[in-house]
Amino acid sequence: MSNNEYALQDAHVKIGTKQTLKTVELGLASEVYLAQDADPRLASRLLELCNRREVKVTLVATMQELGKACGIEVGAAMAAIVKQ
């Protein structure tokens, strides 16, 4: 497990598409993780939003891997770390 995976379990994280997009829109996200196999339309919407809000985006190979990094049993398309 990498440091990022532990960070996702320890930090205040919003997991899932709706939660992540809302967190970024509200300007509360410090960093976003995006699965490369997520729905392309949602991914491009998130990338555009993060670009506008100047939020760092880290790509993760698969939704399964991102879900595991977040400590959940199912895949996750995206997750946001909330600013403290």
PDB file of N, CA and C in Angstrom:
ATOM      1  N   MET A   1       0.837  -1.207   0.000  1.00  0.00           N
ATOM      2  CA  MET A   1       0.000   0.000   0.000  1.00  0.00           C
ATOM      3  C   MET A   1       0.870   1.255   0.000  1.00  0.00           C
ATOM      4  N   SER A   2       0.509   2.200  -0.828  1.00  0.00           N
ATOM      5  CA  SER A   2       1.272   3.449  -0.885  1.00  0.00           C
ATOM      6  C   SER A   2       0.796   4.417   0.186  1.00  0.00           C
ATOM      7  N   ASN A   3       1.524   5.505   0.364  1.00  0.00           N
ATOM      8  CA  ASN A   3       1.126   6.526   1.333  1.00  0.00           C
ATOM      9  C   ASN A   3      -0.228   7.125   0.993  1.00  0.00           C
ATOM     10  N   ASN A   4      -0.492   7.315  -0.305  1.00  0.00           N
ATOM     11  CA  ASN A   4      -1.775   7.881  -0.729  1.00  0.00           C
ATOM     12  C   ASN A   4      -2.942   7.033  -0.260  1.00  0.00           C
ATOM     13  N   GLU A   5      -2.797   5.732  -0.309  1.00  0.00           N
ATOM     14  CA  GLU A   5      -3.890   4.857   0.094  1.00  0.00           C
ATOM     15  C   GLU A   5      -4.206   5.032   1.580  1.00  0.00           C
ATOM     16  N   TYR A   6      -3.170   5.161   2.387  1.00  0.00           N
ATOM     17  CA  TYR A   6      -3.418   5.401   3.809  1.00  0.00           C
ATOM     18  C   TYR A   6      -4.045   6.763   4.017  1.00  0.00           C
ATOM     19  N   ALA A   7      -3.569   7.750   3.281  1.00  0.00           N
ATOM     20  CA  ALA A   7      -4.086   9.109   3.413  1.00  0.00           C
ATOM     21  C   ALA A   7      -5.580   9.153   3.108  1.00  0.00           C
ATOM     22  N   LEU A   8      -6.013   8.380   2.128  1.00  0.00           N
ATOM     23  CA  LEU A   8      -7.429   8.377   1.763  1.00  0.00           C
ATOM     24  C   LEU A   8      -8.291   7.789   2.871  1.00  0.00           C
ATOM     25  N   GLN A   9      -7.718   6.897   3.654  1.00  0.00           N
ATOM     26  CA  GLN A   9      -8.499   6.320   4.744  1.00  0.00           C
ATOM     27  C   GLN A   9      -8.469   7.208   5.985  1.00  0.00           C
ATOM     28  N   ASP A  10      -7.414   7.990   6.143  1.00  0.00           N
ATOM     29  CA  ASP A  10      -7.271   8.822   7.340  1.00  0.00           C
ATOM     30  C   ASP A  10      -7.903  10.198   7.189  1.00  0.00           C
ATOM     31  N   ALA A  11      -7.751  10.790   6.007  1.00  0.00           N
ATOM     32  CA  ALA A  11      -8.233  12.151   5.786  1.00  0.00           C
ATOM     33  C   ALA A  11      -9.757  12.187   5.719  1.00  0.00           C
ATOM     34  N   HIS A  12     -10.294  13.383   5.785  1.00  0.00           N
ATOM     35  CA  HIS A  12     -11.729  13.567   5.619  1.00  0.00           C
ATOM     36  C   HIS A  12     -12.018  13.486   4.123  1.00  0.00           C
ATOM     37  N   VAL A  13     -12.662  12.405   3.702  1.00  0.00           N
ATOM     38  CA  VAL A  13     -12.827  12.130   2.276  1.00  0.00           C
ATOM     39  C   VAL A  13     -14.298  12.023   1.902  1.00  0.00           C
ATOM     40  N   LYS A  14     -14.640  12.587   0.754  1.00  0.00           N
ATOM     41  CA  LYS A  14     -15.974  12.413   0.176  1.00  0.00           C
ATOM     42  C   LYS A  14     -15.799  11.445  -0.981  1.00  0.00           C
ATOM     43  N   ILE A  15     -16.550  10.355  -0.953  1.00  0.00           N
ATOM     44  CA  ILE A  15     -16.398   9.304  -1.953  1.00  0.00           C
ATOM     45  C   ILE A  15     -17.626   9.263  -2.857  1.00  0.00           C
ATOM     46  N   GLY A  16     -17.392   9.093  -4.149  1.00  0.00           N
ATOM     47  CA  GLY A  16     -18.494   8.980  -5.098  1.00  0.00           C
ATOM     48  C   GLY A  16     -18.643  10.227  -5.952  1.00  0.00           C
ATOM     49  N   THR A  17     -19.329  10.067  -7.061  1.00  0.00           N
ATOM     50  CA  THR A  17     -19.453  11.133  -8.047  1.00  0.00           C
ATOM     51  C   THR A  17     -20.170  12.368  -7.517  1.00  0.00           C
ATOM     52  N   LYS A  18     -21.380  12.194  -6.983  1.00  0.00           N
ATOM     53  CA  LYS A  18     -22.157  13.347  -6.498  1.00  0.00           C
ATOM     54  C   LYS A  18     -21.418  14.099  -5.404  1.00  0.00           C
ATOM     55  N   GLN A  19     -20.931  13.348  -4.421  1.00  0.00           N
ATOM     56  CA  GLN A  19     -20.227  13.954  -3.280  1.00  0.00           C
ATOM     57  C   GLN A  19     -18.979  14.700  -3.722  1.00  0.00           C
ATOM     58  N   THR A  20     -18.217  14.077  -4.629  1.00  0.00           N
ATOM     59  CA  THR A  20     -16.960  14.673  -5.099  1.00  0.00           C
ATOM     60  C   THR A  20     -17.227  15.951  -5.881  1.00  0.00           C
ATOM     61  N   LEU A  21     -18.148  15.883  -6.840  1.00  0.00           N
ATOM     62  CA  LEU A  21     -18.468  17.070  -7.647  1.00  0.00           C
ATOM     63  C   LEU A  21     -18.961  18.214  -6.762  1.00  0.00           C
ATOM     64  N   LYS A  22     -19.819  17.897  -5.804  1.00  0.00           N
ATOM     65  CA  LYS A  22     -20.359  18.918  -4.899  1.00  0.00           C
ATOM     66  C   LYS A  22     -19.235  19.549  -4.059  1.00  0.00           C
ATOM     67  N   THR A  23     -18.333  18.718  -3.557  1.00  0.00           N
ATOM     68  CA  THR A  23     -17.221  19.207  -2.742  1.00  0.00           C
ATOM     69  C   THR A  23     -16.336  20.162  -3.537  1.00  0.00           C
ATOM     70  N   VAL A  24     -16.057  19.802  -4.799  1.00  0.00           N
ATOM     71  CA  VAL A  24     -15.227  20.659  -5.656  1.00  0.00           C
ATOM     72  C   VAL A  24     -15.970  21.954  -5.989  1.00  0.00           C
ATOM     73  N   GLU A  25     -17.265  21.831  -6.340  1.00  0.00           N
ATOM     74  CA  GLU A  25     -18.070  23.014  -6.671  1.00  0.00           C
ATOM     75  C   GLU A  25     -18.111  24.012  -5.526  1.00  0.00           C
ATOM     76  N   LEU A  26     -18.173  23.508  -4.308  1.00  0.00           N
ATOM     77  CA  LEU A  26     -18.236  24.374  -3.125  1.00  0.00           C
ATOM     78  C   LEU A  26     -16.864  24.923  -2.726  1.00  0.00           C
ATOM     79  N   GLY A  27     -15.826  24.495  -3.445  1.00  0.00           N
ATOM     80  CA  GLY A  27     -14.479  24.968  -3.147  1.00  0.00           C
ATOM     81  C   GLY A  27     -13.885  24.354  -1.892  1.00  0.00           C
ATOM     82  N   LEU A  28     -14.374  23.171  -1.524  1.00  0.00           N
ATOM     83  CA  LEU A  28     -13.925  22.522  -0.284  1.00  0.00           C
ATOM     84  C   LEU A  28     -12.887  21.432  -0.501  1.00  0.00           C
ATOM     85  N   ALA A  29     -12.613  21.097  -1.758  1.00  0.00           N
ATOM     86  CA  ALA A  29     -11.684  19.998  -2.046  1.00  0.00           C
ATOM     87  C   ALA A  29     -10.244  20.491  -2.129  1.00  0.00           C
ATOM     88  N   SER A  30      -9.340  19.771  -1.453  1.00  0.00           N
ATOM     89  CA  SER A  30      -7.920  20.107  -1.556  1.00  0.00           C
ATOM     90  C   SER A  30      -7.259  19.264  -2.636  1.00  0.00           C
ATOM     91  N   GLU A  31      -7.799  18.065  -2.856  1.00  0.00           N
ATOM     92  CA  GLU A  31      -7.266  17.171  -3.882  1.00  0.00           C
ATOM     93  C   GLU A  31      -8.352  16.182  -4.281  1.00  0.00           C
ATOM     94  N   VAL A  32      -8.313  15.746  -5.532  1.00  0.00           N
ATOM     95  CA  VAL A  32      -9.308  14.806  -6.039  1.00  0.00           C
ATOM     96  C   VAL A  32      -8.610  13.601  -6.651  1.00  0.00           C
ATOM     97  N   TYR A  33      -9.183  12.433  -6.446  1.00  0.00           N
ATOM     98  CA  TYR A  33      -8.691  11.194  -7.050  1.00  0.00           C
ATOM     99  C   TYR A  33      -9.741  10.728  -8.050  1.00  0.00           C
ATOM    100  N   LEU A  34      -9.293  10.403  -9.261  1.00  0.00           N
ATOM    101  CA  LEU A  34     -10.201  10.003 -10.328  1.00  0.00           C
ATOM    102  C   LEU A  34      -9.758   8.665 -10.911  1.00  0.00           C
ATOM    103  N   ALA A  35     -10.692   7.718 -10.965  1.00  0.00           N
ATOM    104  CA  ALA A  35     -10.391   6.410 -11.559  1.00  0.00           C
ATOM    105  C   ALA A  35     -10.391   6.546 -13.077  1.00  0.00           C
ATOM    106  N   GLN A  36      -9.381   5.970 -13.716  1.00  0.00           N
ATOM    107  CA  GLN A  36      -9.258   6.092 -15.167  1.00  0.00           C
ATOM    108  C   GLN A  36     -10.338   5.330 -15.924  1.00  0.00           C
ATOM    109  N   ASP A  37     -11.022   4.398 -15.253  1.00  0.00           N
ATOM    110  CA  ASP A  37     -12.110   3.675 -15.922  1.00  0.00           C
ATOM    111  C   ASP A  37     -13.487   4.208 -15.530  1.00  0.00           C
ATOM    112  N   ALA A  38     -13.521   5.411 -14.970  1.00  0.00           N
ATOM    113  CA  ALA A  38     -14.795   6.053 -14.631  1.00  0.00           C
ATOM    114  C   ALA A  38     -15.494   6.498 -15.922  1.00  0.00           C
ATOM    115  N   ASP A  39     -16.789   6.753 -15.836  1.00  0.00           N
ATOM    116  CA  ASP A  39     -17.581   7.242 -16.975  1.00  0.00           C
ATOM    117  C   ASP A  39     -16.901   8.477 -17.570  1.00  0.00           C
ATOM    118  N   PRO A  40     -16.546   8.433 -18.857  1.00  0.00           N
ATOM    119  CA  PRO A  40     -15.811   9.541 -19.493  1.00  0.00           C
ATOM    120  C   PRO A  40     -16.507  10.903 -19.379  1.00  0.00           C
ATOM    121  N   ARG A  41     -17.836  10.923 -19.440  1.00  0.00           N
ATOM    122  CA  ARG A  41     -18.557  12.207 -19.330  1.00  0.00           C
ATOM    123  C   ARG A  41     -18.396  12.799 -17.937  1.00  0.00           C
ATOM    124  N   LEU A  42     -18.507  11.951 -16.928  1.00  0.00           N
ATOM    125  CA  LEU A  42     -18.348  12.423 -15.552  1.00  0.00           C
ATOM    126  C   LEU A  42     -16.903  12.828 -15.289  1.00  0.00           C
ATOM    127  N   ALA A  43     -15.975  12.046 -15.829  1.00  0.00           N
ATOM    128  CA  ALA A  43     -14.554  12.336 -15.653  1.00  0.00           C
ATOM    129  C   ALA A  43     -14.208  13.688 -16.268  1.00  0.00           C
ATOM    130  N   SER A  44     -14.695  13.948 -17.481  1.00  0.00           N
ATOM    131  CA  SER A  44     -14.372  15.225 -18.129  1.00  0.00           C
ATOM    132  C   SER A  44     -15.013  16.392 -17.389  1.00  0.00           C
ATOM    133  N   ARG A  45     -16.220  16.173 -16.853  1.00  0.00           N
ATOM    134  CA  ARG A  45     -16.879  17.222 -16.056  1.00  0.00           C
ATOM    135  C   ARG A  45     -16.059  17.543 -14.801  1.00  0.00           C
ATOM    136  N   LEU A  46     -15.581  16.484 -14.145  1.00  0.00           N
ATOM    137  CA  LEU A  46     -14.772  16.669 -12.943  1.00  0.00           C
ATOM    138  C   LEU A  46     -13.457  17.373 -13.271  1.00  0.00           C
ATOM    139  N   LEU A  47     -12.788  16.937 -14.338  1.00  0.00           N
ATOM    140  CA  LEU A  47     -11.506  17.533 -14.716  1.00  0.00           C
ATOM    141  C   LEU A  47     -11.663  19.016 -15.047  1.00  0.00           C
ATOM    142  N   GLU A  48     -12.738  19.351 -15.750  1.00  0.00           N
ATOM    143  CA  GLU A  48     -13.008  20.753 -16.091  1.00  0.00           C
ATOM    144  C   GLU A  48     -13.240  21.581 -14.822  1.00  0.00           C
ATOM    145  N   LEU A  49     -14.019  21.039 -13.913  1.00  0.00           N
ATOM    146  CA  LEU A  49     -14.320  21.719 -12.653  1.00  0.00           C
ATOM    147  C   LEU A  49     -13.057  21.907 -11.811  1.00  0.00           C
ATOM    148  N   CYS A  50     -12.240  20.866 -11.722  1.00  0.00           N
ATOM    149  CA  CYS A  50     -10.995  20.939 -10.952  1.00  0.00           C
ATOM    150  C   CYS A  50     -10.030  21.943 -11.575  1.00  0.00           C
ATOM    151  N   ASN A  51     -10.019  21.995 -12.893  1.00  0.00           N
ATOM    152  CA  ASN A  51      -9.174  22.943 -13.601  1.00  0.00           C
ATOM    153  C   ASN A  51      -9.580  24.375 -13.249  1.00  0.00           C
ATOM    154  N   ARG A  52     -10.881  24.620 -13.264  1.00  0.00           N
ATOM    155  CA  ARG A  52     -11.402  25.951 -12.938  1.00  0.00           C
ATOM    156  C   ARG A  52     -11.115  26.335 -11.481  1.00  0.00           C
ATOM    157  N   ARG A  53     -11.244  25.349 -10.595  1.00  0.00           N
ATOM    158  CA  ARG A  53     -11.070  25.592  -9.149  1.00  0.00           C
ATOM    159  C   ARG A  53      -9.616  25.419  -8.691  1.00  0.00           C
ATOM    160  N   GLU A  54      -8.742  25.043  -9.640  1.00  0.00           N
ATOM    161  CA  GLU A  54      -7.329  24.797  -9.340  1.00  0.00           C
ATOM    162  C   GLU A  54      -7.139  23.750  -8.252  1.00  0.00           C
ATOM    163  N   VAL A  55      -7.833  22.627  -8.441  1.00  0.00           N
ATOM    164  CA  VAL A  55      -7.731  21.504  -7.516  1.00  0.00           C
ATOM    165  C   VAL A  55      -6.870  20.430  -8.172  1.00  0.00           C
ATOM    166  N   LYS A  56      -5.899  19.907  -7.427  1.00  0.00           N
ATOM    167  CA  LYS A  56      -5.010  18.860  -7.939  1.00  0.00           C
ATOM    168  C   LYS A  56      -5.801  17.572  -8.158  1.00  0.00           C
ATOM    169  N   VAL A  57      -5.576  16.953  -9.329  1.00  0.00           N
ATOM    170  CA  VAL A  57      -6.237  15.690  -9.655  1.00  0.00           C
ATOM    171  C   VAL A  57      -5.177  14.595  -9.762  1.00  0.00           C
ATOM    172  N   THR A  58      -5.404  13.493  -9.054  1.00  0.00           N
ATOM    173  CA  THR A  58      -4.520  12.337  -9.133  1.00  0.00           C
ATOM    174  C   THR A  58      -5.307  11.206  -9.780  1.00  0.00           C
ATOM    175  N   LEU A  59      -4.754  10.638 -10.849  1.00  0.00           N
ATOM    176  CA  LEU A  59      -5.424   9.536 -11.529  1.00  0.00           C
ATOM    177  C   LEU A  59      -5.069   8.210 -10.864  1.00  0.00           C
ATOM    178  N   VAL A  60      -6.077   7.361 -10.722  1.00  0.00           N
ATOM    179  CA  VAL A  60      -5.922   6.024 -10.158  1.00  0.00           C
ATOM    180  C   VAL A  60      -6.327   5.049 -11.260  1.00  0.00           C
ATOM    181  N   ALA A  61      -5.631   3.938 -11.376  1.00  0.00           N
ATOM    182  CA  ALA A  61      -5.836   2.998 -12.489  1.00  0.00           C
ATOM    183  C   ALA A  61      -7.288   2.544 -12.647  1.00  0.00           C
ATOM    184  N   THR A  62      -7.904   2.076 -11.561  1.00  0.00           N
ATOM    185  CA  THR A  62      -9.260   1.522 -11.681  1.00  0.00           C
ATOM    186  C   THR A  62     -10.160   1.980 -10.535  1.00  0.00           C
ATOM    187  N   MET A  63     -11.464   1.867 -10.761  1.00  0.00           N
ATOM    188  CA  MET A  63     -12.434   2.206  -9.715  1.00  0.00           C
ATOM    189  C   MET A  63     -12.278   1.253  -8.528  1.00  0.00           C
ATOM    190  N   GLN A  64     -11.969  -0.003  -8.826  1.00  0.00           N
ATOM    191  CA  GLN A  64     -11.774  -1.003  -7.770  1.00  0.00           C
ATOM    192  C   GLN A  64     -10.617  -0.591  -6.859  1.00  0.00           C
ATOM    193  N   GLU A  65      -9.525  -0.149  -7.478  1.00  0.00           N
ATOM    194  CA  GLU A  65      -8.338   0.272  -6.728  1.00  0.00           C
ATOM    195  C   GLU A  65      -8.641   1.511  -5.868  1.00  0.00           C
ATOM    196  N   LEU A  66      -9.386   2.457  -6.440  1.00  0.00           N
ATOM    197  CA  LEU A  66      -9.730   3.669  -5.693  1.00  0.00           C
ATOM    198  C   LEU A  66     -10.656   3.349  -4.520  1.00  0.00           C
ATOM    199  N   GLY A  67     -11.621   2.481  -4.760  1.00  0.00           N
ATOM    200  CA  GLY A  67     -12.517   2.066  -3.684  1.00  0.00           C
ATOM    201  C   GLY A  67     -11.742   1.432  -2.535  1.00  0.00           C
ATOM    202  N   LYS A  68     -10.818   0.558  -2.886  1.00  0.00           N
ATOM    203  CA  LYS A  68      -9.980  -0.120  -1.890  1.00  0.00           C
ATOM    204  C   LYS A  68      -9.141   0.903  -1.116  1.00  0.00           C
ATOM    205  N   ALA A  69      -8.589   1.885  -1.841  1.00  0.00           N
ATOM    206  CA  ALA A  69      -7.772   2.926  -1.200  1.00  0.00           C
ATOM    207  C   ALA A  69      -8.602   3.747  -0.218  1.00  0.00           C
ATOM    208  N   CYS A  70      -9.898   3.869  -0.508  1.00  0.00           N
ATOM    209  CA  CYS A  70     -10.802   4.628   0.362  1.00  0.00           C
ATOM    210  C   CYS A  70     -11.350   3.769   1.502  1.00  0.00           C
ATOM    211  N   GLY A  71     -10.993   2.496   1.493  1.00  0.00           N
ATOM    212  CA  GLY A  71     -11.429   1.601   2.559  1.00  0.00           C
ATOM    213  C   GLY A  71     -12.848   1.096   2.392  1.00  0.00           C
ATOM    214  N   ILE A  72     -13.349   1.071   1.144  1.00  0.00           N
ATOM    215  CA  ILE A  72     -14.690   0.536   0.911  1.00  0.00           C
ATOM    216  C   ILE A  72     -14.585  -0.725   0.056  1.00  0.00           C
ATOM    217  N   GLU A  73     -15.616  -1.554   0.116  1.00  0.00           N
ATOM    218  CA  GLU A  73     -15.597  -2.855  -0.553  1.00  0.00           C
ATOM    219  C   GLU A  73     -15.907  -2.771  -2.047  1.00  0.00           C
ATOM    220  N   VAL A  74     -16.505  -1.659  -2.475  1.00  0.00           N
ATOM    221  CA  VAL A  74     -16.892  -1.517  -3.880  1.00  0.00           C
ATOM    222  C   VAL A  74     -16.012  -0.484  -4.569  1.00  0.00           C
ATOM    223  N   GLY A  75     -16.105  -0.423  -5.878  1.00  0.00           N
ATOM    224  CA  GLY A  75     -15.322   0.549  -6.633  1.00  0.00           C
ATOM    225  C   GLY A  75     -15.836   1.966  -6.425  1.00  0.00           C
ATOM    226  N   ALA A  76     -14.971   2.931  -6.649  1.00  0.00           N
ATOM    227  CA  ALA A  76     -15.346   4.344  -6.574  1.00  0.00           C
ATOM    228  C   ALA A  76     -14.798   5.055  -7.807  1.00  0.00           C
ATOM    229  N   ALA A  77     -15.640   5.840  -8.483  1.00  0.00           N
ATOM    230  CA  ALA A  77     -15.215   6.548  -9.683  1.00  0.00           C
ATOM    231  C   ALA A  77     -14.296   7.723  -9.313  1.00  0.00           C
ATOM    232  N   MET A  78     -14.624   8.377  -8.193  1.00  0.00           N
ATOM    233  CA  MET A  78     -13.846   9.542  -7.773  1.00  0.00           C
ATOM    234  C   MET A  78     -14.003   9.769  -6.279  1.00  0.00           C
ATOM    235  N   ALA A  79     -13.049  10.488  -5.723  1.00  0.00           N
ATOM    236  CA  ALA A  79     -13.082  10.839  -4.304  1.00  0.00           C
ATOM    237  C   ALA A  79     -12.368  12.171  -4.119  1.00  0.00           C
ATOM    238  N   ALA A  80     -12.833  12.935  -3.129  1.00  0.00           N
ATOM    239  CA  ALA A  80     -12.220  14.246  -2.856  1.00  0.00           C
ATOM    240  C   ALA A  80     -11.767  14.307  -1.426  1.00  0.00           C
ATOM    241  N   ILE A  81     -10.578  14.864  -1.231  1.00  0.00           N
ATOM    242  CA  ILE A  81     -10.095  15.122   0.130  1.00  0.00           C
ATOM    243  C   ILE A  81     -10.577  16.524   0.494  1.00  0.00           C
ATOM    244  N   VAL A  82     -11.271  16.611   1.620  1.00  0.00           N
ATOM    245  CA  VAL A  82     -11.841  17.880   2.062  1.00  0.00           C
ATOM    246  C   VAL A  82     -10.813  18.703   2.816  1.00  0.00           C
ATOM    247  N   LYS A  83     -10.732  19.991   2.485  1.00  0.00           N
ATOM    248  CA  LYS A  83      -9.813  20.891   3.180  1.00  0.00           C
ATOM    249  C   LYS A  83     -10.184  20.944   4.653  1.00  0.00           C
ATOM    250  N   GLN A  84      -9.173  20.944   5.494  1.00  0.00           N
ATOM    251  CA  GLN A  84      -9.431  20.994   6.947  1.00  0.00           C
ATOM    252  C   GLN A  84      -9.352  22.425   7.450  1.00  0.00           C
TER     253      GLN A  84
END
